[in-house]
Amino acid sequence: MKKPELLVTPLSIDDISPLAIAGADAFVIGEQRYGLRLAGEFNREQVRQAIELAHAQGKKVYVAINAIFHNEKVAELDDYIKFVVEANADAIIFGDPAVLLTARDVAPNMKLHWSTETLGTNWFSCNYWGQKGAKRAVLAREINMESIVEIKEKAEVEIEVLVHGMSCMFQSKRSLLGNYYEYQGKVMEIENRKMEKNMFLHDKERENKYPIFEDENGTHIMSPNDICMIDELQEMLEAGVDSFKIDGILKSSEYLLAVTKAYREAIDLYFEDPDLYDDKKDELLAAIEDVQPANRKLDTGFFFKETVY
């Protein structure tokens, strides 16, 4: 049994080296024009720099090209994928078949990770995209532990699971907030990665606040709580899940560093001796609770619920 990859989404170039030292094995980066809901914005030069920094420390970098593409952007994929290859990325994350088909032509040796965030709900779909050329499938956030274990048992591709961070509950390609402010005759500055943390939908009945941000890909409404599975990793470790993802979206660099250290320790303890992990997992959870923002509760998402849509 090999250790799962610890995959982290950094906020900036400055996060790469500290997170690598903290125990991250790989990073997801990209720019909003081509990537969906990234923790940080990386232009082409920054993508090159991030890959160089990560590779120097023996880490991998995956470039996200998983936005929702319309006709006018499809023509750009050829050039951008060629750039990603030239920059020496380790894989491309895609959701749109247009990316896969373009990569077949211009980057036939590039590793591809299939990620739609909502459609990875069964092993048939994972294997379908595997037969098309994907080497990894990123599972949906809304499926439970039993389904994850079964998918891993029957999948012919690597399996990636989000174990920490917020998840997207709604997306519209429209700039809903921007349009609303414009309708009111107000000016609203929408700037990607500005980390506008005071924009929420407030559900008074459930006392939930849903973070909202807008970028080139539209409006995103995020979950009111953060998934945290640090004390519930054992089933996925036993099943051999290939990659555990920590999502840094709308988080600080300091928070991301602390969480990465905790998950690194959890994984290493389990592989040293499962009993060591079992003895310390509550302490590791408490360490994350100590750095968790007061307005963001931790929960286990759909991992132990009946899958509901």
C-alpha atoms as a PDB file:
ATOM      1  CA  MET A   1       0.000   0.000   0.000  1.00  0.00           C
ATOM      2  CA  LYS A   2       1.427   3.366  -0.997  1.00  0.00           C
ATOM      3  CA  LYS A   3       0.779   6.679   0.678  1.00  0.00           C
ATOM      4  CA  PRO A   4      -1.868   8.883  -0.910  1.00  0.00           C
ATOM      5  CA  GLU A   5      -0.726  12.102  -2.499  1.00  0.00           C
ATOM      6  CA  LEU A   6      -1.418  15.203  -0.405  1.00  0.00           C
ATOM      7  CA  LEU A   7      -2.676  17.755  -2.928  1.00  0.00           C
ATOM      8  CA  VAL A   8      -2.966  21.440  -1.977  1.00  0.00           C
ATOM      9  CA  THR A   9      -4.277  24.523  -3.792  1.00  0.00           C
ATOM     10  CA  PRO A  10      -1.890  27.427  -3.008  1.00  0.00           C
ATOM     11  CA  LEU A  11      -2.867  31.085  -2.994  1.00  0.00           C
ATOM     12  CA  SER A  12       0.328  32.415  -4.571  1.00  0.00           C
ATOM     13  CA  ILE A  13       3.910  31.673  -5.581  1.00  0.00           C
ATOM     14  CA  ASP A  14       4.977  32.480  -2.039  1.00  0.00           C
ATOM     15  CA  ASP A  15       3.008  29.489  -0.730  1.00  0.00           C
ATOM     16  CA  ILE A  16       4.773  26.839  -2.818  1.00  0.00           C
ATOM     17  CA  SER A  17       7.981  26.347  -0.836  1.00  0.00           C
ATOM     18  CA  PRO A  18       6.431  26.567   2.667  1.00  0.00           C
ATOM     19  CA  LEU A  19       3.672  24.118   1.710  1.00  0.00           C
ATOM     20  CA  ALA A  20       6.193  21.748   0.149  1.00  0.00           C
ATOM     21  CA  ILE A  21       8.220  21.801   3.372  1.00  0.00           C
ATOM     22  CA  ALA A  22       4.991  21.286   5.358  1.00  0.00           C
ATOM     23  CA  GLY A  23       4.330  18.080   3.448  1.00  0.00           C
ATOM     24  CA  ALA A  24       2.324  18.839   0.313  1.00  0.00           C
ATOM     25  CA  ASP A  25       3.118  16.399  -2.497  1.00  0.00           C
ATOM     26  CA  ALA A  26       1.438  18.305  -5.325  1.00  0.00           C
ATOM     27  CA  PHE A  27      -0.268  21.586  -6.170  1.00  0.00           C
ATOM     28  CA  VAL A  28      -3.185  22.768  -8.315  1.00  0.00           C
ATOM     29  CA  ILE A  29      -2.641  26.142  -9.974  1.00  0.00           C
ATOM     30  CA  GLY A  30      -3.889  28.079 -12.979  1.00  0.00           C
ATOM     31  CA  GLU A  31      -5.603  31.253 -14.093  1.00  0.00           C
ATOM     32  CA  GLN A  32      -9.287  32.024 -13.945  1.00  0.00           C
ATOM     33  CA  ARG A  33      -9.616  32.301 -17.716  1.00  0.00           C
ATOM     34  CA  TYR A  34      -9.064  28.562 -18.001  1.00  0.00           C
ATOM     35  CA  GLY A  35      -9.424  27.203 -14.459  1.00  0.00           C
ATOM     36  CA  LEU A  36     -12.455  26.974 -12.214  1.00  0.00           C
ATOM     37  CA  ARG A  37     -12.585  28.151  -8.589  1.00  0.00           C
ATOM     38  CA  LEU A  38      -8.858  28.363  -7.991  1.00  0.00           C
ATOM     39  CA  ALA A  39      -7.481  29.376  -4.608  1.00  0.00           C
ATOM     40  CA  GLY A  40      -5.102  31.813  -6.296  1.00  0.00           C
ATOM     41  CA  GLU A  41      -4.484  33.427  -9.663  1.00  0.00           C
ATOM     42  CA  PHE A  42      -1.313  32.341 -11.493  1.00  0.00           C
ATOM     43  CA  ASN A  43      -0.448  34.011 -14.792  1.00  0.00           C
ATOM     44  CA  ARG A  44       1.815  32.237 -17.271  1.00  0.00           C
ATOM     45  CA  GLU A  45       5.057  33.466 -15.781  1.00  0.00           C
ATOM     46  CA  GLN A  46       3.864  32.520 -12.304  1.00  0.00           C
ATOM     47  CA  VAL A  47       2.864  29.069 -13.544  1.00  0.00           C
ATOM     48  CA  ARG A  48       6.417  28.586 -14.815  1.00  0.00           C
ATOM     49  CA  GLN A  49       7.900  29.799 -11.545  1.00  0.00           C
ATOM     50  CA  ALA A  50       5.593  27.610  -9.439  1.00  0.00           C
ATOM     51  CA  ILE A  51       6.502  24.515 -11.445  1.00  0.00           C
ATOM     52  CA  GLU A  52      10.214  25.247 -11.152  1.00  0.00           C
ATOM     53  CA  LEU A  53       9.930  25.770  -7.389  1.00  0.00           C
ATOM     54  CA  ALA A  54       7.858  22.641  -6.856  1.00  0.00           C
ATOM     55  CA  HIS A  55      10.018  20.411  -9.048  1.00  0.00           C
ATOM     56  CA  ALA A  56      13.147  21.608  -7.257  1.00  0.00           C
ATOM     57  CA  GLN A  57      11.645  20.099  -4.093  1.00  0.00           C
ATOM     58  CA  GLY A  58      10.420  16.917  -5.759  1.00  0.00           C
ATOM     59  CA  LYS A  59       6.767  17.997  -5.875  1.00  0.00           C
ATOM     60  CA  LYS A  60       4.228  17.918  -8.718  1.00  0.00           C
ATOM     61  CA  VAL A  61       2.124  20.679 -10.240  1.00  0.00           C
ATOM     62  CA  TYR A  62      -1.213  20.239 -12.002  1.00  0.00           C
ATOM     63  CA  VAL A  63      -2.587  23.069 -14.134  1.00  0.00           C
ATOM     64  CA  ALA A  64      -6.351  23.554 -14.093  1.00  0.00           C
ATOM     65  CA  ILE A  65      -8.042  23.911 -17.478  1.00  0.00           C
ATOM     66  CA  ASN A  66     -11.466  22.964 -16.145  1.00  0.00           C
ATOM     67  CA  ALA A  67     -13.494  26.126 -16.751  1.00  0.00           C
ATOM     68  CA  ILE A  68     -16.783  26.032 -18.664  1.00  0.00           C
ATOM     69  CA  PHE A  69     -15.726  26.813 -22.218  1.00  0.00           C
ATOM     70  CA  HIS A  70     -17.777  28.560 -24.881  1.00  0.00           C
ATOM     71  CA  ASN A  71     -16.880  28.741 -28.563  1.00  0.00           C
ATOM     72  CA  GLU A  72     -14.769  31.870 -28.288  1.00  0.00           C
ATOM     73  CA  LYS A  73     -12.414  30.271 -25.743  1.00  0.00           C
ATOM     74  CA  VAL A  74     -12.084  26.868 -27.394  1.00  0.00           C
ATOM     75  CA  ALA A  75      -9.806  28.385 -30.019  1.00  0.00           C
ATOM     76  CA  GLU A  76      -7.391  29.398 -27.234  1.00  0.00           C
ATOM     77  CA  LEU A  77      -6.953  25.891 -25.839  1.00  0.00           C
ATOM     78  CA  ASP A  78      -4.340  24.835 -28.381  1.00  0.00           C
ATOM     79  CA  ASP A  79      -1.997  27.642 -27.396  1.00  0.00           C
ATOM     80  CA  TYR A  80      -2.565  27.348 -23.650  1.00  0.00           C
ATOM     81  CA  ILE A  81      -2.067  23.580 -23.560  1.00  0.00           C
ATOM     82  CA  LYS A  82       1.147  23.975 -25.547  1.00  0.00           C
ATOM     83  CA  PHE A  83       2.276  26.499 -22.952  1.00  0.00           C
ATOM     84  CA  VAL A  84       1.454  24.098 -20.103  1.00  0.00           C
ATOM     85  CA  VAL A  85       3.528  21.385 -21.770  1.00  0.00           C
ATOM     86  CA  GLU A  86       6.411  23.797 -22.346  1.00  0.00           C
ATOM     87  CA  ALA A  87       6.226  24.855 -18.688  1.00  0.00           C
ATOM     88  CA  ASN A  88       6.694  21.177 -17.742  1.00  0.00           C
ATOM     89  CA  ALA A  89       3.479  20.681 -15.767  1.00  0.00           C
ATOM     90  CA  ASP A  90       2.825  17.183 -14.448  1.00  0.00           C
ATOM     91  CA  ALA A  91      -0.841  17.025 -15.454  1.00  0.00           C
ATOM     92  CA  ILE A  92      -3.798  18.975 -16.774  1.00  0.00           C
ATOM     93  CA  ILE A  93      -7.115  19.034 -14.922  1.00  0.00           C
ATOM     94  CA  PHE A  94     -10.070  19.090 -17.326  1.00  0.00           C
ATOM     95  CA  GLY A  95     -13.833  18.765 -17.355  1.00  0.00           C
ATOM     96  CA  ASP A  96     -14.731  19.766 -20.914  1.00  0.00           C
ATOM     97  CA  PRO A  97     -14.101  17.183 -23.684  1.00  0.00           C
ATOM     98  CA  ALA A  98     -12.737  20.055 -25.795  1.00  0.00           C
ATOM     99  CA  VAL A  99      -9.674  20.096 -23.530  1.00  0.00           C
ATOM    100  CA  LEU A 100      -9.177  16.354 -23.837  1.00  0.00           C
ATOM    101  CA  LEU A 101      -9.508  16.402 -27.632  1.00  0.00           C
ATOM    102  CA  THR A 102      -7.114  19.331 -27.957  1.00  0.00           C
ATOM    103  CA  ALA A 103      -4.606  17.708 -25.619  1.00  0.00           C
ATOM    104  CA  ARG A 104      -4.697  14.532 -27.702  1.00  0.00           C
ATOM    105  CA  ASP A 105      -3.528  16.555 -30.687  1.00  0.00           C
ATOM    106  CA  VAL A 106      -0.962  18.898 -29.139  1.00  0.00           C
ATOM    107  CA  ALA A 107       0.099  17.081 -25.958  1.00  0.00           C
ATOM    108  CA  PRO A 108      -0.467  13.343 -26.372  1.00  0.00           C
ATOM    109  CA  ASN A 109       1.898  12.485 -23.510  1.00  0.00           C
ATOM    110  CA  MET A 110       0.390  14.885 -20.969  1.00  0.00           C
ATOM    111  CA  LYS A 111      -1.328  13.235 -18.006  1.00  0.00           C
ATOM    112  CA  LEU A 112      -5.015  14.211 -17.738  1.00  0.00           C
ATOM    113  CA  HIS A 113      -7.203  14.396 -14.629  1.00  0.00           C
ATOM    114  CA  TRP A 114     -10.970  14.366 -15.179  1.00  0.00           C
ATOM    115  CA  SER A 115     -12.697  16.799 -12.801  1.00  0.00           C
ATOM    116  CA  THR A 116     -16.222  18.169 -13.092  1.00  0.00           C
ATOM    117  CA  GLU A 117     -16.860  18.466  -9.310  1.00  0.00           C
ATOM    118  CA  THR A 118     -20.408  17.112  -9.675  1.00  0.00           C
ATOM    119  CA  LEU A 119     -20.388  14.228 -12.162  1.00  0.00           C
ATOM    120  CA  GLY A 120     -17.799  11.911 -10.613  1.00  0.00           C
ATOM    121  CA  THR A 121     -20.389   9.832  -8.787  1.00  0.00           C
ATOM    122  CA  ASN A 122     -19.776   6.284 -10.041  1.00  0.00           C
ATOM    123  CA  TRP A 123     -16.956   4.046 -11.245  1.00  0.00           C
ATOM    124  CA  PHE A 124     -18.507   3.597 -14.729  1.00  0.00           C
ATOM    125  CA  SER A 125     -18.026   7.320 -15.429  1.00  0.00           C
ATOM    126  CA  CYS A 126     -14.492   7.229 -14.032  1.00  0.00           C
ATOM    127  CA  ASN A 127     -13.586   4.327 -16.290  1.00  0.00           C
ATOM    128  CA  TYR A 128     -15.334   5.886 -19.296  1.00  0.00           C
ATOM    129  CA  TRP A 129     -13.083   8.930 -19.077  1.00  0.00           C
ATOM    130  CA  GLY A 130     -10.164   6.633 -18.367  1.00  0.00           C
ATOM    131  CA  GLN A 131     -10.794   4.904 -21.685  1.00  0.00           C
ATOM    132  CA  LYS A 132     -10.801   8.332 -23.329  1.00  0.00           C
ATOM    133  CA  GLY A 133      -7.376   9.149 -21.920  1.00  0.00           C
ATOM    134  CA  ALA A 134      -7.801  10.393 -18.343  1.00  0.00           C
ATOM    135  CA  LYS A 135      -5.474   8.908 -15.743  1.00  0.00           C
ATOM    136  CA  ARG A 136      -7.335  10.246 -12.712  1.00  0.00           C
ATOM    137  CA  ALA A 137     -10.929  10.977 -11.721  1.00  0.00           C
ATOM    138  CA  VAL A 138     -11.860  13.598  -9.137  1.00  0.00           C
ATOM    139  CA  LEU A 139     -14.930  12.468  -7.222  1.00  0.00           C
ATOM    140  CA  ALA A 140     -17.974  14.612  -6.512  1.00  0.00           C
ATOM    141  CA  ARG A 141     -18.286  16.203  -3.078  1.00  0.00           C
ATOM    142  CA  GLU A 142     -21.822  14.872  -2.586  1.00  0.00           C
ATOM    143  CA  ILE A 143     -21.139  11.127  -2.391  1.00  0.00           C
ATOM    144  CA  ASN A 144     -20.667   9.145   0.807  1.00  0.00           C
ATOM    145  CA  MET A 145     -17.800   7.047   2.130  1.00  0.00           C
ATOM    146  CA  GLU A 146     -19.344   3.743   1.048  1.00  0.00           C
ATOM    147  CA  SER A 147     -19.597   4.988  -2.545  1.00  0.00           C
ATOM    148  CA  ILE A 148     -16.024   6.311  -2.499  1.00  0.00           C
ATOM    149  CA  VAL A 149     -14.656   2.962  -1.326  1.00  0.00           C
ATOM    150  CA  GLU A 150     -16.653   1.070  -3.979  1.00  0.00           C
ATOM    151  CA  ILE A 151     -15.518   3.446  -6.734  1.00  0.00           C
ATOM    152  CA  LYS A 152     -11.889   2.996  -5.700  1.00  0.00           C
ATOM    153  CA  GLU A 153     -12.258  -0.794  -5.728  1.00  0.00           C
ATOM    154  CA  LYS A 154     -13.630  -0.831  -9.284  1.00  0.00           C
ATOM    155  CA  ALA A 155     -12.001   2.180 -10.922  1.00  0.00           C
ATOM    156  CA  GLU A 156      -9.253   1.696 -13.487  1.00  0.00           C
ATOM    157  CA  VAL A 157      -7.914   5.212 -12.901  1.00  0.00           C
ATOM    158  CA  GLU A 158      -6.493   7.090  -9.918  1.00  0.00           C
ATOM    159  CA  ILE A 159      -9.080   8.512  -7.518  1.00  0.00           C
ATOM    160  CA  GLU A 160      -8.889  11.964  -5.906  1.00  0.00           C
ATOM    161  CA  VAL A 161     -11.089  13.028  -2.982  1.00  0.00           C
ATOM    162  CA  LEU A 162     -11.542  16.425  -1.308  1.00  0.00           C
ATOM    163  CA  VAL A 163     -10.806  15.923   2.401  1.00  0.00           C
ATOM    164  CA  HIS A 164     -10.619  19.526   3.593  1.00  0.00           C
ATOM    165  CA  GLY A 165     -12.109  22.861   2.608  1.00  0.00           C
ATOM    166  CA  MET A 166     -15.313  24.391   1.291  1.00  0.00           C
ATOM    167  CA  SER A 167     -17.261  23.124  -1.679  1.00  0.00           C
ATOM    168  CA  CYS A 168     -19.304  24.923  -4.296  1.00  0.00           C
ATOM    169  CA  MET A 169     -23.083  24.679  -3.918  1.00  0.00           C
ATOM    170  CA  PHE A 170     -24.086  26.823  -6.900  1.00  0.00           C
ATOM    171  CA  GLN A 171     -22.486  28.363  -9.947  1.00  0.00           C
ATOM    172  CA  SER A 172     -23.848  30.658 -12.627  1.00  0.00           C
ATOM    173  CA  LYS A 173     -21.901  31.922 -15.608  1.00  0.00           C
ATOM    174  CA  ARG A 174     -23.679  35.228 -15.021  1.00  0.00           C
ATOM    175  CA  SER A 175     -22.240  37.949 -12.816  1.00  0.00           C
ATOM    176  CA  LEU A 176     -25.304  37.882 -10.576  1.00  0.00           C
ATOM    177  CA  LEU A 177     -24.049  40.238  -7.887  1.00  0.00           C
ATOM    178  CA  GLY A 178     -22.441  42.611 -10.352  1.00  0.00           C
ATOM    179  CA  ASN A 179     -25.622  42.740 -12.418  1.00  0.00           C
ATOM    180  CA  TYR A 180     -27.698  43.358  -9.292  1.00  0.00           C
ATOM    181  CA  TYR A 181     -25.517  46.257  -8.175  1.00  0.00           C
ATOM    182  CA  GLU A 182     -25.579  47.699 -11.688  1.00  0.00           C
ATOM    183  CA  TYR A 183     -29.376  47.449 -11.684  1.00  0.00           C
ATOM    184  CA  GLN A 184     -29.407  49.465  -8.470  1.00  0.00           C
ATOM    185  CA  GLY A 185     -27.186  52.090 -10.070  1.00  0.00           C
ATOM    186  CA  LYS A 186     -24.247  51.184  -7.827  1.00  0.00           C
ATOM    187  CA  VAL A 187     -20.701  50.292  -8.729  1.00  0.00           C
ATOM    188  CA  MET A 188     -19.349  46.976  -7.516  1.00  0.00           C
ATOM    189  CA  GLU A 189     -15.721  46.126  -8.078  1.00  0.00           C
ATOM    190  CA  ILE A 190     -15.299  42.471  -9.023  1.00  0.00           C
ATOM    191  CA  GLU A 191     -11.689  41.427  -8.916  1.00  0.00           C
ATOM    192  CA  ASN A 192     -10.604  37.791  -9.006  1.00  0.00           C
ATOM    193  CA  ARG A 193      -8.813  36.544  -5.876  1.00  0.00           C
ATOM    194  CA  LYS A 194      -9.541  39.718  -3.972  1.00  0.00           C
ATOM    195  CA  MET A 195     -10.722  37.371  -1.215  1.00  0.00           C
ATOM    196  CA  GLU A 196     -13.845  39.409  -0.528  1.00  0.00           C
ATOM    197  CA  LYS A 197     -14.850  37.671   2.696  1.00  0.00           C
ATOM    198  CA  ASN A 198     -17.780  39.854   3.687  1.00  0.00           C
ATOM    199  CA  MET A 199     -20.173  38.840   0.906  1.00  0.00           C
ATOM    200  CA  PHE A 200     -22.647  36.188   2.072  1.00  0.00           C
ATOM    201  CA  LEU A 201     -26.085  34.786   1.500  1.00  0.00           C
ATOM    202  CA  HIS A 202     -27.631  34.636   4.974  1.00  0.00           C
ATOM    203  CA  ASP A 203     -30.065  31.825   5.776  1.00  0.00           C
ATOM    204  CA  LYS A 204     -31.598  33.063   9.038  1.00  0.00           C
ATOM    205  CA  GLU A 205     -33.690  29.925   9.548  1.00  0.00           C
ATOM    206  CA  ARG A 206     -30.617  27.676   9.638  1.00  0.00           C
ATOM    207  CA  GLU A 207     -28.228  30.378  10.841  1.00  0.00           C
ATOM    208  CA  ASN A 208     -25.958  29.708   7.866  1.00  0.00           C
ATOM    209  CA  LYS A 209     -23.853  32.147   5.889  1.00  0.00           C
ATOM    210  CA  TYR A 210     -22.864  31.111   2.377  1.00  0.00           C
ATOM    211  CA  PRO A 211     -19.741  32.861   1.021  1.00  0.00           C
ATOM    212  CA  ILE A 212     -20.073  34.363  -2.461  1.00  0.00           C
ATOM    213  CA  PHE A 213     -17.446  35.497  -4.907  1.00  0.00           C
ATOM    214  CA  GLU A 214     -17.407  36.398  -8.568  1.00  0.00           C
ATOM    215  CA  ASP A 215     -14.728  36.061 -11.207  1.00  0.00           C
ATOM    216  CA  GLU A 216     -14.487  35.548 -14.962  1.00  0.00           C
ATOM    217  CA  ASN A 217     -16.290  32.216 -14.611  1.00  0.00           C
ATOM    218  CA  GLY A 218     -19.345  33.816 -13.004  1.00  0.00           C
ATOM    219  CA  THR A 219     -20.910  33.674  -9.554  1.00  0.00           C
ATOM    220  CA  HIS A 220     -20.016  30.980  -7.024  1.00  0.00           C
ATOM    221  CA  ILE A 221     -21.948  30.281  -3.819  1.00  0.00           C
ATOM    222  CA  MET A 222     -19.951  28.157  -1.407  1.00  0.00           C
ATOM    223  CA  SER A 223     -20.843  25.841   1.475  1.00  0.00           C
ATOM    224  CA  PRO A 224     -21.411  27.388   4.925  1.00  0.00           C
ATOM    225  CA  ASN A 225     -19.077  24.868   6.587  1.00  0.00           C
ATOM    226  CA  ASP A 226     -15.667  23.382   5.784  1.00  0.00           C
ATOM    227  CA  ILE A 227     -15.217  19.671   5.238  1.00  0.00           C
ATOM    228  CA  CYS A 228     -12.647  18.232   7.633  1.00  0.00           C
ATOM    229  CA  MET A 229     -11.809  14.534   7.468  1.00  0.00           C
ATOM    230  CA  ILE A 230      -8.541  14.468   9.379  1.00  0.00           C
ATOM    231  CA  ASP A 231      -9.945  12.110  12.028  1.00  0.00           C
ATOM    232  CA  GLU A 232     -11.854   9.964   9.505  1.00  0.00           C
ATOM    233  CA  LEU A 233      -9.178   9.035   6.964  1.00  0.00           C
ATOM    234  CA  GLN A 234      -8.780   5.375   7.809  1.00  0.00           C
ATOM    235  CA  GLU A 235     -11.367   3.868   5.435  1.00  0.00           C
ATOM    236  CA  MET A 236      -9.993   5.817   2.480  1.00  0.00           C
ATOM    237  CA  LEU A 237      -6.410   4.967   3.430  1.00  0.00           C
ATOM    238  CA  GLU A 238      -7.322   1.278   3.625  1.00  0.00           C
ATOM    239  CA  ALA A 239      -9.143   1.521   0.292  1.00  0.00           C
ATOM    240  CA  GLY A 240      -6.060   3.045  -1.349  1.00  0.00           C
ATOM    241  CA  VAL A 241      -7.508   6.400  -2.440  1.00  0.00           C
ATOM    242  CA  ASP A 242      -4.728   7.963  -4.515  1.00  0.00           C
ATOM    243  CA  SER A 243      -4.993  11.650  -3.671  1.00  0.00           C
ATOM    244  CA  PHE A 244      -6.338  13.689  -0.753  1.00  0.00           C
ATOM    245  CA  LYS A 245      -7.078  17.293  -1.667  1.00  0.00           C
ATOM    246  CA  ILE A 246      -6.951  20.316   0.646  1.00  0.00           C
ATOM    247  CA  ASP A 247      -8.714  23.270  -0.974  1.00  0.00           C
ATOM    248  CA  GLY A 248      -7.372  26.685  -0.011  1.00  0.00           C
ATOM    249  CA  ILE A 249     -10.097  28.748  -1.632  1.00  0.00           C
ATOM    250  CA  LEU A 250     -10.985  31.811   0.512  1.00  0.00           C
ATOM    251  CA  LYS A 251      -8.418  30.762   3.129  1.00  0.00           C
ATOM    252  CA  SER A 252      -5.262  32.481   4.361  1.00  0.00           C
ATOM    253  CA  SER A 253      -1.772  31.193   3.656  1.00  0.00           C
ATOM    254  CA  GLU A 254      -1.215  30.663   7.389  1.00  0.00           C
ATOM    255  CA  TYR A 255      -4.353  28.558   7.692  1.00  0.00           C
ATOM    256  CA  LEU A 256      -3.445  26.467   4.662  1.00  0.00           C
ATOM    257  CA  LEU A 257       0.033  25.824   6.031  1.00  0.00           C
ATOM    258  CA  ALA A 258      -1.288  24.665   9.427  1.00  0.00           C
ATOM    259  CA  VAL A 259      -3.858  22.344   7.837  1.00  0.00           C
ATOM    260  CA  THR A 260      -1.299  20.853   5.451  1.00  0.00           C
ATOM    261  CA  LYS A 261       1.055  20.078   8.348  1.00  0.00           C
ATOM    262  CA  ALA A 262      -1.758  18.361  10.240  1.00  0.00           C
ATOM    263  CA  TYR A 263      -2.802  16.138   7.322  1.00  0.00           C
ATOM    264  CA  ARG A 264       0.830  15.297   6.559  1.00  0.00           C
ATOM    265  CA  GLU A 265       1.266  14.107  10.121  1.00  0.00           C
ATOM    266  CA  ALA A 266      -1.993  12.130  10.022  1.00  0.00           C
ATOM    267  CA  ILE A 267      -1.032  10.264   6.846  1.00  0.00           C
ATOM    268  CA  ASP A 268       2.516   9.559   8.027  1.00  0.00           C
ATOM    269  CA  LEU A 269       1.313   8.296  11.406  1.00  0.00           C
ATOM    270  CA  TYR A 270      -1.121   5.887   9.786  1.00  0.00           C
ATOM    271  CA  PHE A 271       1.566   4.402   7.574  1.00  0.00           C
ATOM    272  CA  GLU A 272       3.934   4.110  10.502  1.00  0.00           C
ATOM    273  CA  ASP A 273       1.272   2.353  12.575  1.00  0.00           C
ATOM    274  CA  PRO A 274      -2.540   2.712  12.262  1.00  0.00           C
ATOM    275  CA  ASP A 275      -2.787   2.687  16.053  1.00  0.00           C
ATOM    276  CA  LEU A 276      -0.576   5.789  16.240  1.00  0.00           C
ATOM    277  CA  TYR A 277      -2.973   7.610  13.930  1.00  0.00           C
ATOM    278  CA  ASP A 278      -5.947   6.412  15.939  1.00  0.00           C
ATOM    279  CA  ASP A 279      -4.358   7.648  19.164  1.00  0.00           C
ATOM    280  CA  LYS A 280      -3.558  11.118  17.821  1.00  0.00           C
ATOM    281  CA  LYS A 281      -6.365  11.893  15.364  1.00  0.00           C
ATOM    282  CA  ASP A 282      -8.444  13.764  17.962  1.00  0.00           C
ATOM    283  CA  GLU A 283      -5.433  15.919  18.820  1.00  0.00           C
ATOM    284  CA  LEU A 284      -4.912  16.684  15.126  1.00  0.00           C
ATOM    285  CA  LEU A 285      -8.565  17.650  14.761  1.00  0.00           C
ATOM    286  CA  ALA A 286      -8.228  19.956  17.779  1.00  0.00           C
ATOM    287  CA  ALA A 287      -5.189  21.611  16.174  1.00  0.00           C
ATOM    288  CA  ILE A 288      -7.266  22.430  13.079  1.00  0.00           C
ATOM    289  CA  GLU A 289     -10.153  23.654  15.222  1.00  0.00           C
ATOM    290  CA  ASP A 290      -7.710  26.068  16.860  1.00  0.00           C
ATOM    291  CA  VAL A 291      -6.987  27.801  13.526  1.00  0.00           C
ATOM    292  CA  GLN A 292     -10.483  27.462  12.081  1.00  0.00           C
ATOM    293  CA  PRO A 293     -12.296  30.819  11.520  1.00  0.00           C
ATOM    294  CA  ALA A 294     -15.048  31.353  14.087  1.00  0.00           C
ATOM    295  CA  ASN A 295     -17.699  31.757  11.383  1.00  0.00           C
ATOM    296  CA  ARG A 296     -16.787  28.487   9.620  1.00  0.00           C
ATOM    297  CA  LYS A 297     -17.825  25.260  11.340  1.00  0.00           C
ATOM    298  CA  LEU A 298     -16.136  21.966  10.493  1.00  0.00           C
ATOM    299  CA  ASP A 299     -18.151  18.965   9.376  1.00  0.00           C
ATOM    300  CA  THR A 300     -17.805  15.753   7.361  1.00  0.00           C
ATOM    301  CA  GLY A 301     -19.888  16.861   4.385  1.00  0.00           C
ATOM    302  CA  PHE A 302     -21.690  13.960   2.721  1.00  0.00           C
ATOM    303  CA  PHE A 303     -19.160  11.326   3.762  1.00  0.00           C
ATOM    304  CA  PHE A 304     -21.512   9.746   6.307  1.00  0.00           C
ATOM    305  CA  LYS A 305     -24.861  10.796   4.845  1.00  0.00           C
ATOM    306  CA  GLU A 306     -27.135   9.265   2.304  1.00  0.00           C
ATOM    307  CA  THR A 307     -26.195  10.861  -1.012  1.00  0.00           C
ATOM    308  CA  VAL A 308     -28.726  13.611  -1.709  1.00  0.00           C
ATOM    309  CA  TYR A 309     -29.063  15.992  -4.651  1.00  0.00           C
END
